[in-house]
């Protein structure tokens, strides 16, 4: 004779098996969707040039804001607090974070420059800054080593201010957005 517990277990197992079977069957309907797309029943809409420009400015502002926030939080602010000076408490850790922030800033500024190409006004404003942004490429490794921190910090701060100014002139005001330490480590 079956006990009530074994009947309940069997019912739960049966329910789970049916759920998995229905879910797996639903997932295999991708081929049917592909056939519909081939037949022309589903059409994609193109993004208008006005939308592309809006998105370009939005992406530019987001990427430049992250670059500006990282520069201020982990490069400029510790520098002004004297964390990069020889013998300062936590100097090595501050320089490592600054190096990561420098690499992150370079990466985001390159992305912002690419985003600016989608908007004619923004592209003209940011184009003269490309050489300065490219000059930041080798600075993160120098910053991590602690080499000539004064000039490196001034380079990052200057480029960020130039990007903010160019964005503002083109109608895309950039505000600092501090990335998390995890975001720094990803780049």
N, C-alpha and C. Protein backbone atom coordinates (compact mmCIF):
# COMPACT_ATOMS: atom_id res chain seq x y z
N UNK A 1 0.84 -1.17 0.00
CA UNK A 1 0.00 0.00 0.00
C UNK A 1 0.89 1.24 0.00
N UNK A 2 0.47 2.27 -0.68
CA UNK A 2 1.23 3.51 -0.78
C UNK A 2 0.93 4.40 0.42
N UNK A 3 1.99 4.98 0.92
CA UNK A 3 1.80 5.90 2.05
C UNK A 3 1.49 7.29 1.50
N UNK A 4 0.87 8.14 2.33
CA UNK A 4 0.55 9.50 1.86
C UNK A 4 1.80 10.29 1.46
N UNK A 5 2.92 10.04 2.12
CA UNK A 5 4.15 10.77 1.78
C UNK A 5 4.63 10.39 0.39
N UNK A 6 4.60 9.12 0.06
CA UNK A 6 5.07 8.70 -1.26
C UNK A 6 4.14 9.20 -2.37
N UNK A 7 2.85 9.30 -2.07
CA UNK A 7 1.90 9.84 -3.05
C UNK A 7 2.21 11.31 -3.31
N UNK A 8 2.47 12.07 -2.23
CA UNK A 8 2.81 13.49 -2.41
C UNK A 8 4.11 13.66 -3.18
N UNK A 9 5.11 12.83 -2.88
CA UNK A 9 6.39 12.91 -3.60
C UNK A 9 6.17 12.62 -5.08
N UNK A 10 5.37 11.62 -5.36
CA UNK A 10 5.08 11.29 -6.75
C UNK A 10 4.37 12.43 -7.46
N UNK A 11 3.45 13.08 -6.76
CA UNK A 11 2.74 14.21 -7.35
C UNK A 11 3.66 15.38 -7.64
N UNK A 12 4.58 15.64 -6.70
CA UNK A 12 5.55 16.73 -6.89
C UNK A 12 6.47 16.40 -8.06
N UNK A 13 6.94 15.16 -8.13
CA UNK A 13 7.82 14.76 -9.23
C UNK A 13 7.11 14.89 -10.57
N UNK A 14 5.87 14.43 -10.63
CA UNK A 14 5.10 14.52 -11.86
C UNK A 14 4.90 15.97 -12.29
N UNK A 15 4.60 16.84 -11.33
CA UNK A 15 4.41 18.27 -11.62
C UNK A 15 5.70 18.89 -12.15
N UNK A 16 6.82 18.58 -11.50
CA UNK A 16 8.10 19.12 -11.96
C UNK A 16 8.45 18.62 -13.35
N UNK A 17 8.25 17.35 -13.59
CA UNK A 17 8.56 16.79 -14.92
C UNK A 17 7.71 17.46 -16.00
N UNK A 18 6.44 17.65 -15.73
CA UNK A 18 5.57 18.31 -16.71
C UNK A 18 5.99 19.75 -16.96
N UNK A 19 6.38 20.43 -15.88
CA UNK A 19 6.84 21.82 -16.02
C UNK A 19 8.09 21.90 -16.87
N UNK A 20 9.05 21.02 -16.63
CA UNK A 20 10.27 21.01 -17.41
C UNK A 20 10.00 20.67 -18.87
N UNK A 21 9.10 19.72 -19.10
CA UNK A 21 8.77 19.32 -20.45
C UNK A 21 8.12 20.47 -21.22
N UNK A 22 7.18 21.16 -20.59
CA UNK A 22 6.52 22.30 -21.23
C UNK A 22 7.51 23.42 -21.48
N UNK A 23 8.39 23.68 -20.50
CA UNK A 23 9.40 24.73 -20.66
C UNK A 23 10.36 24.43 -21.79
N UNK A 24 10.79 23.17 -21.89
CA UNK A 24 11.72 22.78 -22.95
C UNK A 24 11.05 22.88 -24.31
N UNK A 25 9.80 22.52 -24.38
CA UNK A 25 9.06 22.61 -25.64
C UNK A 25 8.90 24.06 -26.07
N UNK A 26 8.63 24.93 -25.11
CA UNK A 26 8.47 26.35 -25.42
C UNK A 26 9.78 26.95 -25.89
N UNK A 27 10.90 26.49 -25.37
CA UNK A 27 12.20 27.03 -25.77
C UNK A 27 12.57 26.62 -27.19
N UNK A 28 12.03 25.53 -27.67
CA UNK A 28 12.37 25.06 -29.01
C UNK A 28 11.54 25.71 -30.10
N UNK A 29 10.72 26.66 -29.76
CA UNK A 29 9.93 27.37 -30.75
C UNK A 29 10.74 28.44 -31.48
N UNK A 30 12.06 28.52 -31.21
CA UNK A 30 12.91 29.49 -31.88
C UNK A 30 12.93 29.27 -33.39
N UNK A 31 12.91 27.99 -33.80
CA UNK A 31 12.93 27.70 -35.23
C UNK A 31 11.69 28.24 -35.91
N UNK A 32 10.56 28.16 -35.23
CA UNK A 32 9.32 28.70 -35.79
C UNK A 32 9.42 30.22 -35.93
N UNK A 33 10.03 30.87 -34.93
CA UNK A 33 10.20 32.33 -35.00
C UNK A 33 11.12 32.71 -36.16
N UNK A 34 12.17 31.91 -36.39
CA UNK A 34 13.09 32.20 -37.48
C UNK A 34 12.37 32.08 -38.82
N UNK A 35 11.49 31.06 -38.93
CA UNK A 35 10.74 30.89 -40.17
C UNK A 35 9.82 32.09 -40.41
N UNK A 36 9.23 32.61 -39.32
CA UNK A 36 8.36 33.78 -39.46
C UNK A 36 9.17 34.98 -39.94
N UNK A 37 10.40 35.14 -39.39
CA UNK A 37 11.24 36.27 -39.80
C UNK A 37 11.61 36.16 -41.27
N UNK A 38 11.87 34.93 -41.73
CA UNK A 38 12.24 34.74 -43.13
C UNK A 38 11.06 35.06 -44.03
N UNK A 39 9.87 34.77 -43.56
CA UNK A 39 8.68 35.02 -44.36
C UNK A 39 8.34 36.50 -44.42
N UNK A 40 8.92 37.30 -43.52
CA UNK A 40 8.68 38.73 -43.57
C UNK A 40 7.57 39.19 -42.65
N UNK A 41 7.07 38.32 -41.80
CA UNK A 41 5.97 38.74 -40.93
C UNK A 41 6.46 39.65 -39.81
N UNK A 42 7.74 39.59 -39.47
CA UNK A 42 8.29 40.47 -38.45
C UNK A 42 9.35 41.35 -39.10
N UNK A 43 9.17 42.66 -39.02
CA UNK A 43 10.13 43.57 -39.62
C UNK A 43 10.78 44.41 -38.55
N UNK A 44 12.05 44.68 -38.74
CA UNK A 44 12.79 45.53 -37.81
C UNK A 44 12.65 46.98 -38.24
N UNK A 45 12.58 47.87 -37.26
CA UNK A 45 12.49 49.28 -37.59
C UNK A 45 13.86 49.90 -37.47
N UNK A 46 14.19 50.72 -38.41
CA UNK A 46 15.48 51.39 -38.40
C UNK A 46 15.45 52.57 -37.45
N UNK A 47 16.58 52.86 -36.86
CA UNK A 47 16.69 54.00 -35.98
C UNK A 47 16.93 55.24 -36.84
N UNK A 48 16.18 56.28 -36.57
CA UNK A 48 16.35 57.49 -37.35
C UNK A 48 17.66 58.18 -36.96
N UNK A 49 18.10 59.08 -37.82
CA UNK A 49 19.36 59.78 -37.53
C UNK A 49 19.23 60.64 -36.29
N UNK A 50 18.04 61.16 -36.02
CA UNK A 50 17.84 61.96 -34.81
C UNK A 50 18.00 61.10 -33.56
N UNK A 51 17.48 59.86 -33.61
CA UNK A 51 17.64 58.95 -32.47
C UNK A 51 19.10 58.59 -32.27
N UNK A 52 19.81 58.32 -33.36
CA UNK A 52 21.23 57.99 -33.25
C UNK A 52 21.99 59.13 -32.60
N UNK A 53 21.65 60.37 -32.94
CA UNK A 53 22.33 61.51 -32.35
C UNK A 53 22.03 61.62 -30.87
N UNK A 54 20.77 61.39 -30.50
CA UNK A 54 20.42 61.44 -29.08
C UNK A 54 21.17 60.37 -28.31
N UNK A 55 21.20 59.18 -28.88
CA UNK A 55 21.89 58.10 -28.21
C UNK A 55 23.39 58.36 -28.15
N UNK A 56 23.93 58.98 -29.18
CA UNK A 56 25.36 59.29 -29.19
C UNK A 56 25.69 60.27 -28.07
N UNK A 57 24.89 61.29 -27.91
CA UNK A 57 25.13 62.26 -26.84
C UNK A 57 24.97 61.60 -25.47
N UNK A 58 23.96 60.77 -25.33
CA UNK A 58 23.72 60.09 -24.06
C UNK A 58 24.88 59.18 -23.71
N UNK A 59 25.34 58.41 -24.67
CA UNK A 59 26.48 57.52 -24.43
C UNK A 59 27.74 58.33 -24.13
N UNK A 60 27.93 59.41 -24.87
CA UNK A 60 29.09 60.27 -24.62
C UNK A 60 29.07 60.80 -23.19
N UNK A 61 27.92 61.31 -22.77
CA UNK A 61 27.80 61.86 -21.42
C UNK A 61 28.05 60.78 -20.37
N UNK A 62 27.52 59.58 -20.59
CA UNK A 62 27.71 58.50 -19.62
C UNK A 62 29.18 58.10 -19.53
N UNK A 63 29.82 57.88 -20.66
CA UNK A 63 31.22 57.46 -20.65
C UNK A 63 32.16 58.55 -20.14
N UNK A 64 31.94 59.77 -20.57
CA UNK A 64 32.78 60.88 -20.10
C UNK A 64 32.54 61.14 -18.61
N UNK A 65 31.31 60.98 -18.15
CA UNK A 65 31.00 61.16 -16.73
C UNK A 65 31.70 60.12 -15.87
N UNK A 66 31.73 58.87 -16.33
CA UNK A 66 32.45 57.82 -15.60
C UNK A 66 33.95 58.11 -15.57
N UNK A 67 34.49 58.56 -16.70
CA UNK A 67 35.91 58.90 -16.75
C UNK A 67 36.23 60.05 -15.80
N UNK A 68 35.37 61.06 -15.80
CA UNK A 68 35.59 62.22 -14.92
C UNK A 68 35.47 61.82 -13.44
N UNK A 69 34.49 60.99 -13.12
CA UNK A 69 34.31 60.55 -11.74
C UNK A 69 35.48 59.72 -11.25
N UNK A 70 35.97 58.81 -12.09
CA UNK A 70 37.12 57.98 -11.72
C UNK A 70 38.37 58.83 -11.53
N UNK A 71 38.56 59.78 -12.42
CA UNK A 71 39.73 60.64 -12.31
C UNK A 71 39.70 61.44 -11.02
N UNK A 72 38.56 62.03 -10.73
CA UNK A 72 38.49 62.85 -9.52
C UNK A 72 38.62 62.00 -8.26
N UNK A 73 37.87 60.90 -8.19
CA UNK A 73 37.81 60.09 -6.97
C UNK A 73 39.13 59.39 -6.66
N UNK A 74 39.80 58.83 -7.67
CA UNK A 74 40.95 58.00 -7.39
C UNK A 74 42.29 58.55 -7.89
N UNK A 75 42.27 59.70 -8.55
CA UNK A 75 43.54 60.30 -8.97
C UNK A 75 43.70 61.69 -8.36
N UNK A 76 42.79 62.60 -8.67
CA UNK A 76 42.94 63.99 -8.24
C UNK A 76 42.78 64.14 -6.72
N UNK A 77 41.73 63.58 -6.18
CA UNK A 77 41.44 63.72 -4.75
C UNK A 77 42.56 63.14 -3.87
N UNK A 78 43.05 61.91 -4.13
CA UNK A 78 44.16 61.40 -3.32
C UNK A 78 45.45 62.21 -3.51
N UNK A 79 45.66 62.72 -4.74
CA UNK A 79 46.84 63.54 -4.98
C UNK A 79 46.81 64.80 -4.12
N UNK A 80 45.65 65.46 -4.11
CA UNK A 80 45.51 66.68 -3.31
C UNK A 80 45.63 66.39 -1.81
N UNK A 81 45.24 65.17 -1.41
CA UNK A 81 45.35 64.80 0.01
C UNK A 81 46.77 64.36 0.38
N UNK A 82 47.66 64.32 -0.60
CA UNK A 82 49.05 63.96 -0.33
C UNK A 82 49.32 62.47 -0.26
N UNK A 83 48.40 61.65 -0.76
CA UNK A 83 48.55 60.19 -0.71
C UNK A 83 49.65 59.66 -1.62
N UNK A 84 50.05 60.44 -2.63
CA UNK A 84 51.06 59.96 -3.58
C UNK A 84 52.48 60.36 -3.17
N UNK A 85 52.61 61.14 -2.14
CA UNK A 85 53.93 61.59 -1.70
C UNK A 85 54.69 60.44 -1.07
N UNK A 86 55.98 60.44 -1.26
CA UNK A 86 56.84 59.40 -0.70
C UNK A 86 56.71 59.37 0.82
N UNK A 87 56.48 58.19 1.38
CA UNK A 87 56.35 58.03 2.83
C UNK A 87 54.93 58.20 3.35
N UNK A 88 53.99 58.53 2.50
CA UNK A 88 52.59 58.72 2.94
C UNK A 88 51.97 57.36 3.29
N UNK A 89 51.10 57.37 4.29
CA UNK A 89 50.39 56.14 4.67
C UNK A 89 49.48 55.70 3.53
N UNK A 90 49.56 54.44 3.15
CA UNK A 90 48.71 53.90 2.09
C UNK A 90 49.11 54.34 0.70
N UNK A 91 50.33 54.81 0.53
CA UNK A 91 50.78 55.32 -0.76
C UNK A 91 50.71 54.26 -1.86
N UNK A 92 51.21 53.08 -1.56
CA UNK A 92 51.26 52.03 -2.57
C UNK A 92 49.85 51.66 -3.05
N UNK A 93 48.94 51.49 -2.10
CA UNK A 93 47.56 51.14 -2.44
C UNK A 93 46.89 52.28 -3.22
N UNK A 94 47.16 53.51 -2.82
CA UNK A 94 46.58 54.67 -3.52
C UNK A 94 47.10 54.75 -4.96
N UNK A 95 48.38 54.44 -5.15
CA UNK A 95 48.95 54.47 -6.50
C UNK A 95 48.39 53.34 -7.37
N UNK A 96 48.16 52.18 -6.77
CA UNK A 96 47.58 51.07 -7.53
C UNK A 96 46.16 51.43 -7.96
N UNK A 97 45.37 51.96 -7.03
CA UNK A 97 44.00 52.38 -7.38
C UNK A 97 44.03 53.47 -8.43
N UNK A 98 44.97 54.40 -8.31
CA UNK A 98 45.07 55.48 -9.29
C UNK A 98 45.44 54.93 -10.66
N UNK A 99 46.31 53.93 -10.69
CA UNK A 99 46.68 53.31 -11.96
C UNK A 99 45.49 52.63 -12.62
N UNK A 100 44.70 51.91 -11.81
CA UNK A 100 43.48 51.28 -12.33
C UNK A 100 42.50 52.34 -12.82
N UNK A 101 42.37 53.40 -12.05
CA UNK A 101 41.46 54.49 -12.43
C UNK A 101 41.95 55.16 -13.72
N UNK A 102 43.25 55.28 -13.87
CA UNK A 102 43.80 55.86 -15.09
C UNK A 102 43.50 55.02 -16.32
N UNK A 103 43.65 53.70 -16.18
CA UNK A 103 43.32 52.80 -17.29
C UNK A 103 41.83 52.85 -17.60
N UNK A 104 41.01 52.89 -16.56
CA UNK A 104 39.56 52.99 -16.73
C UNK A 104 39.21 54.30 -17.43
N UNK A 105 39.82 55.39 -16.99
CA UNK A 105 39.56 56.70 -17.58
C UNK A 105 39.92 56.71 -19.06
N UNK A 106 41.08 56.18 -19.39
CA UNK A 106 41.51 56.12 -20.78
C UNK A 106 40.49 55.33 -21.62
N UNK A 107 40.08 54.19 -21.09
CA UNK A 107 39.12 53.34 -21.78
C UNK A 107 37.79 54.07 -22.01
N UNK A 108 37.27 54.72 -21.00
CA UNK A 108 35.99 55.42 -21.11
C UNK A 108 36.10 56.64 -22.02
N UNK A 109 37.24 57.34 -21.98
CA UNK A 109 37.41 58.49 -22.87
C UNK A 109 37.49 58.05 -24.33
N UNK A 110 38.12 56.91 -24.59
CA UNK A 110 38.15 56.38 -25.96
C UNK A 110 36.73 56.04 -26.42
N UNK A 111 35.95 55.44 -25.51
CA UNK A 111 34.56 55.11 -25.84
C UNK A 111 33.75 56.38 -26.07
N UNK A 112 33.97 57.40 -25.24
CA UNK A 112 33.26 58.67 -25.39
C UNK A 112 33.59 59.33 -26.73
N UNK A 113 34.85 59.25 -27.12
CA UNK A 113 35.27 59.81 -28.40
C UNK A 113 34.57 59.09 -29.54
N UNK A 114 34.47 57.78 -29.43
CA UNK A 114 33.77 56.99 -30.45
C UNK A 114 32.28 57.34 -30.47
N UNK A 115 31.69 57.52 -29.28
CA UNK A 115 30.28 57.90 -29.21
C UNK A 115 30.04 59.27 -29.82
N UNK A 116 30.98 60.17 -29.67
CA UNK A 116 30.83 61.53 -30.17
C UNK A 116 30.73 61.55 -31.70
N UNK A 117 31.24 60.53 -32.35
CA UNK A 117 31.20 60.48 -33.81
C UNK A 117 29.76 60.38 -34.34
N UNK A 118 28.82 59.97 -33.49
CA UNK A 118 27.42 59.86 -33.91
C UNK A 118 26.68 61.18 -33.95
N UNK A 119 27.28 62.23 -33.43
CA UNK A 119 26.64 63.54 -33.41
C UNK A 119 27.60 64.54 -34.05
N UNK A 120 27.21 65.20 -35.13
CA UNK A 120 28.12 66.10 -35.84
C UNK A 120 28.69 67.22 -34.97
N UNK A 121 27.85 67.85 -34.16
CA UNK A 121 28.32 68.96 -33.31
C UNK A 121 29.30 68.46 -32.27
N UNK A 122 28.98 67.35 -31.65
CA UNK A 122 29.83 66.76 -30.63
C UNK A 122 31.15 66.27 -31.24
N UNK A 123 31.07 65.69 -32.44
CA UNK A 123 32.28 65.20 -33.11
C UNK A 123 33.26 66.34 -33.38
N UNK A 124 32.74 67.49 -33.81
CA UNK A 124 33.61 68.64 -34.06
C UNK A 124 34.24 69.16 -32.77
N UNK A 125 33.47 69.13 -31.69
CA UNK A 125 33.96 69.65 -30.41
C UNK A 125 35.02 68.73 -29.79
N UNK A 126 34.86 67.42 -29.97
CA UNK A 126 35.75 66.46 -29.32
C UNK A 126 36.97 66.11 -30.18
N UNK A 127 36.89 66.31 -31.49
CA UNK A 127 37.98 65.94 -32.39
C UNK A 127 39.34 66.49 -31.98
N UNK A 128 39.46 67.75 -31.58
CA UNK A 128 40.78 68.26 -31.20
C UNK A 128 41.36 67.59 -29.94
N UNK A 129 40.52 66.90 -29.18
CA UNK A 129 40.98 66.29 -27.93
C UNK A 129 41.54 64.88 -28.12
N UNK A 130 41.41 64.33 -29.30
CA UNK A 130 41.83 62.95 -29.54
C UNK A 130 43.31 62.72 -29.24
N UNK A 131 44.14 63.66 -29.63
CA UNK A 131 45.58 63.51 -29.38
C UNK A 131 45.87 63.53 -27.88
N UNK A 132 45.19 64.40 -27.15
CA UNK A 132 45.39 64.46 -25.70
C UNK A 132 44.92 63.19 -25.01
N UNK A 133 43.81 62.64 -25.47
CA UNK A 133 43.29 61.39 -24.90
C UNK A 133 44.26 60.25 -25.20
N UNK A 134 44.77 60.21 -26.40
CA UNK A 134 45.74 59.17 -26.78
C UNK A 134 47.02 59.28 -25.96
N UNK A 135 47.38 60.50 -25.57
CA UNK A 135 48.59 60.70 -24.76
C UNK A 135 48.44 60.11 -23.36
N UNK A 136 47.21 59.86 -22.92
CA UNK A 136 46.98 59.27 -21.60
C UNK A 136 47.26 57.78 -21.57
N UNK A 137 47.45 57.17 -22.72
CA UNK A 137 47.56 55.72 -22.84
C UNK A 137 48.61 55.10 -21.91
N UNK A 138 49.79 55.65 -21.86
CA UNK A 138 50.89 55.07 -21.07
C UNK A 138 50.96 55.59 -19.64
N UNK A 139 50.17 56.58 -19.32
CA UNK A 139 50.26 57.20 -17.99
C UNK A 139 49.78 56.31 -16.83
N UNK A 140 48.78 55.44 -16.99
CA UNK A 140 48.37 54.61 -15.85
C UNK A 140 49.50 53.75 -15.29
N UNK A 141 50.32 53.17 -16.17
CA UNK A 141 51.42 52.34 -15.66
C UNK A 141 52.46 53.20 -14.94
N UNK A 142 52.70 54.40 -15.43
CA UNK A 142 53.63 55.30 -14.74
C UNK A 142 53.06 55.74 -13.40
N UNK A 143 51.76 55.93 -13.36
CA UNK A 143 51.10 56.34 -12.12
C UNK A 143 51.21 55.24 -11.07
N UNK A 144 51.01 53.98 -11.49
CA UNK A 144 51.13 52.85 -10.56
C UNK A 144 52.53 52.77 -9.98
N UNK A 145 53.53 53.12 -10.79
CA UNK A 145 54.92 53.06 -10.32
C UNK A 145 55.27 54.26 -9.45
N UNK A 146 54.48 55.33 -9.53
CA UNK A 146 54.75 56.52 -8.74
C UNK A 146 55.67 57.51 -9.42
N UNK A 147 55.87 57.36 -10.74
CA UNK A 147 56.75 58.25 -11.49
C UNK A 147 56.08 59.58 -11.78
N UNK A 148 56.71 60.66 -11.44
CA UNK A 148 56.26 62.03 -11.71
C UNK A 148 54.75 62.21 -11.62
N UNK A 149 54.23 61.96 -10.44
CA UNK A 149 52.77 61.99 -10.24
C UNK A 149 52.17 63.37 -10.49
N UNK A 150 52.92 64.43 -10.21
CA UNK A 150 52.38 65.78 -10.41
C UNK A 150 51.94 66.00 -11.85
N UNK A 151 52.82 65.71 -12.80
CA UNK A 151 52.50 65.96 -14.20
C UNK A 151 51.42 64.99 -14.70
N UNK A 152 51.42 63.76 -14.20
CA UNK A 152 50.42 62.78 -14.63
C UNK A 152 49.02 63.20 -14.17
N UNK A 153 48.92 63.58 -12.90
CA UNK A 153 47.63 64.01 -12.36
C UNK A 153 47.13 65.24 -13.12
N UNK A 154 48.02 66.17 -13.40
CA UNK A 154 47.63 67.37 -14.14
C UNK A 154 47.18 67.03 -15.56
N UNK A 155 47.81 66.02 -16.18
CA UNK A 155 47.40 65.59 -17.52
C UNK A 155 45.98 65.03 -17.51
N UNK A 156 45.72 64.12 -16.56
CA UNK A 156 44.37 63.54 -16.47
C UNK A 156 43.34 64.63 -16.18
N UNK A 157 43.63 65.47 -15.22
CA UNK A 157 42.68 66.52 -14.83
C UNK A 157 42.44 67.49 -16.00
N UNK A 158 43.49 67.84 -16.71
CA UNK A 158 43.35 68.75 -17.84
C UNK A 158 42.50 68.17 -18.97
N UNK A 159 42.76 66.93 -19.31
CA UNK A 159 41.99 66.29 -20.39
C UNK A 159 40.52 66.16 -19.99
N UNK A 160 40.27 65.77 -18.75
CA UNK A 160 38.88 65.64 -18.28
C UNK A 160 38.17 66.99 -18.37
N UNK A 161 38.83 68.04 -17.93
CA UNK A 161 38.22 69.38 -18.00
C UNK A 161 37.96 69.80 -19.44
N UNK A 162 38.88 69.45 -20.35
CA UNK A 162 38.70 69.77 -21.76
C UNK A 162 37.51 69.01 -22.35
N UNK A 163 37.37 67.74 -21.98
CA UNK A 163 36.25 66.93 -22.47
C UNK A 163 34.93 67.48 -21.93
N UNK A 164 34.91 67.83 -20.65
CA UNK A 164 33.70 68.42 -20.06
C UNK A 164 33.32 69.71 -20.78
N UNK A 165 34.30 70.54 -21.04
CA UNK A 165 34.06 71.82 -21.71
C UNK A 165 33.54 71.59 -23.13
N UNK A 166 34.17 70.66 -23.85
CA UNK A 166 33.74 70.37 -25.22
C UNK A 166 32.31 69.82 -25.23
N UNK A 167 32.00 68.97 -24.29
CA UNK A 167 30.65 68.43 -24.20
C UNK A 167 29.63 69.51 -23.91
N UNK A 168 29.97 70.40 -22.99
CA UNK A 168 29.06 71.49 -22.63
C UNK A 168 28.82 72.41 -23.83
N UNK A 169 29.89 72.71 -24.57
CA UNK A 169 29.76 73.57 -25.75
C UNK A 169 28.89 72.93 -26.83
N UNK A 170 28.87 71.58 -26.87
CA UNK A 170 28.09 70.87 -27.88
C UNK A 170 26.69 70.50 -27.37
N UNK A 171 26.36 70.94 -26.17
CA UNK A 171 25.03 70.66 -25.64
C UNK A 171 24.91 69.34 -24.91
N UNK A 172 26.03 68.77 -24.50
CA UNK A 172 26.03 67.49 -23.78
C UNK A 172 26.85 67.67 -22.50
N UNK A 173 26.22 68.25 -21.50
CA UNK A 173 26.94 68.55 -20.26
C UNK A 173 27.32 67.26 -19.53
N UNK A 174 28.59 67.16 -19.17
CA UNK A 174 29.13 65.98 -18.50
C UNK A 174 29.23 66.25 -17.01
N UNK A 175 28.66 65.33 -16.22
CA UNK A 175 28.76 65.42 -14.77
C UNK A 175 29.49 64.20 -14.25
N UNK A 176 30.29 64.38 -13.22
CA UNK A 176 31.07 63.28 -12.64
C UNK A 176 30.15 62.17 -12.14
N UNK A 177 30.50 60.95 -12.48
CA UNK A 177 29.81 59.77 -11.97
C UNK A 177 30.89 58.79 -11.53
N UNK A 178 31.00 58.60 -10.24
CA UNK A 178 32.07 57.78 -9.70
C UNK A 178 31.74 56.30 -9.91
N UNK A 179 32.59 55.57 -10.64
CA UNK A 179 32.37 54.14 -10.82
C UNK A 179 32.76 53.39 -9.55
N UNK A 180 32.23 52.20 -9.40
CA UNK A 180 32.58 51.38 -8.25
C UNK A 180 33.98 50.78 -8.47
N UNK A 181 34.57 50.29 -7.40
CA UNK A 181 35.89 49.67 -7.51
C UNK A 181 35.81 48.44 -8.41
N UNK A 182 34.69 47.75 -8.41
CA UNK A 182 34.51 46.59 -9.28
C UNK A 182 34.53 46.98 -10.75
N UNK A 183 33.93 48.12 -11.08
CA UNK A 183 33.94 48.59 -12.47
C UNK A 183 35.35 48.95 -12.90
N UNK A 184 36.14 49.48 -11.98
CA UNK A 184 37.53 49.80 -12.31
C UNK A 184 38.30 48.55 -12.65
N UNK A 185 38.09 47.52 -11.87
CA UNK A 185 38.84 46.27 -12.05
C UNK A 185 38.46 45.56 -13.34
N UNK A 186 37.26 45.77 -13.85
CA UNK A 186 36.81 45.10 -15.07
C UNK A 186 37.55 45.61 -16.29
N UNK A 187 37.97 46.85 -16.31
CA UNK A 187 38.62 47.41 -17.49
C UNK A 187 40.06 47.22 -17.42
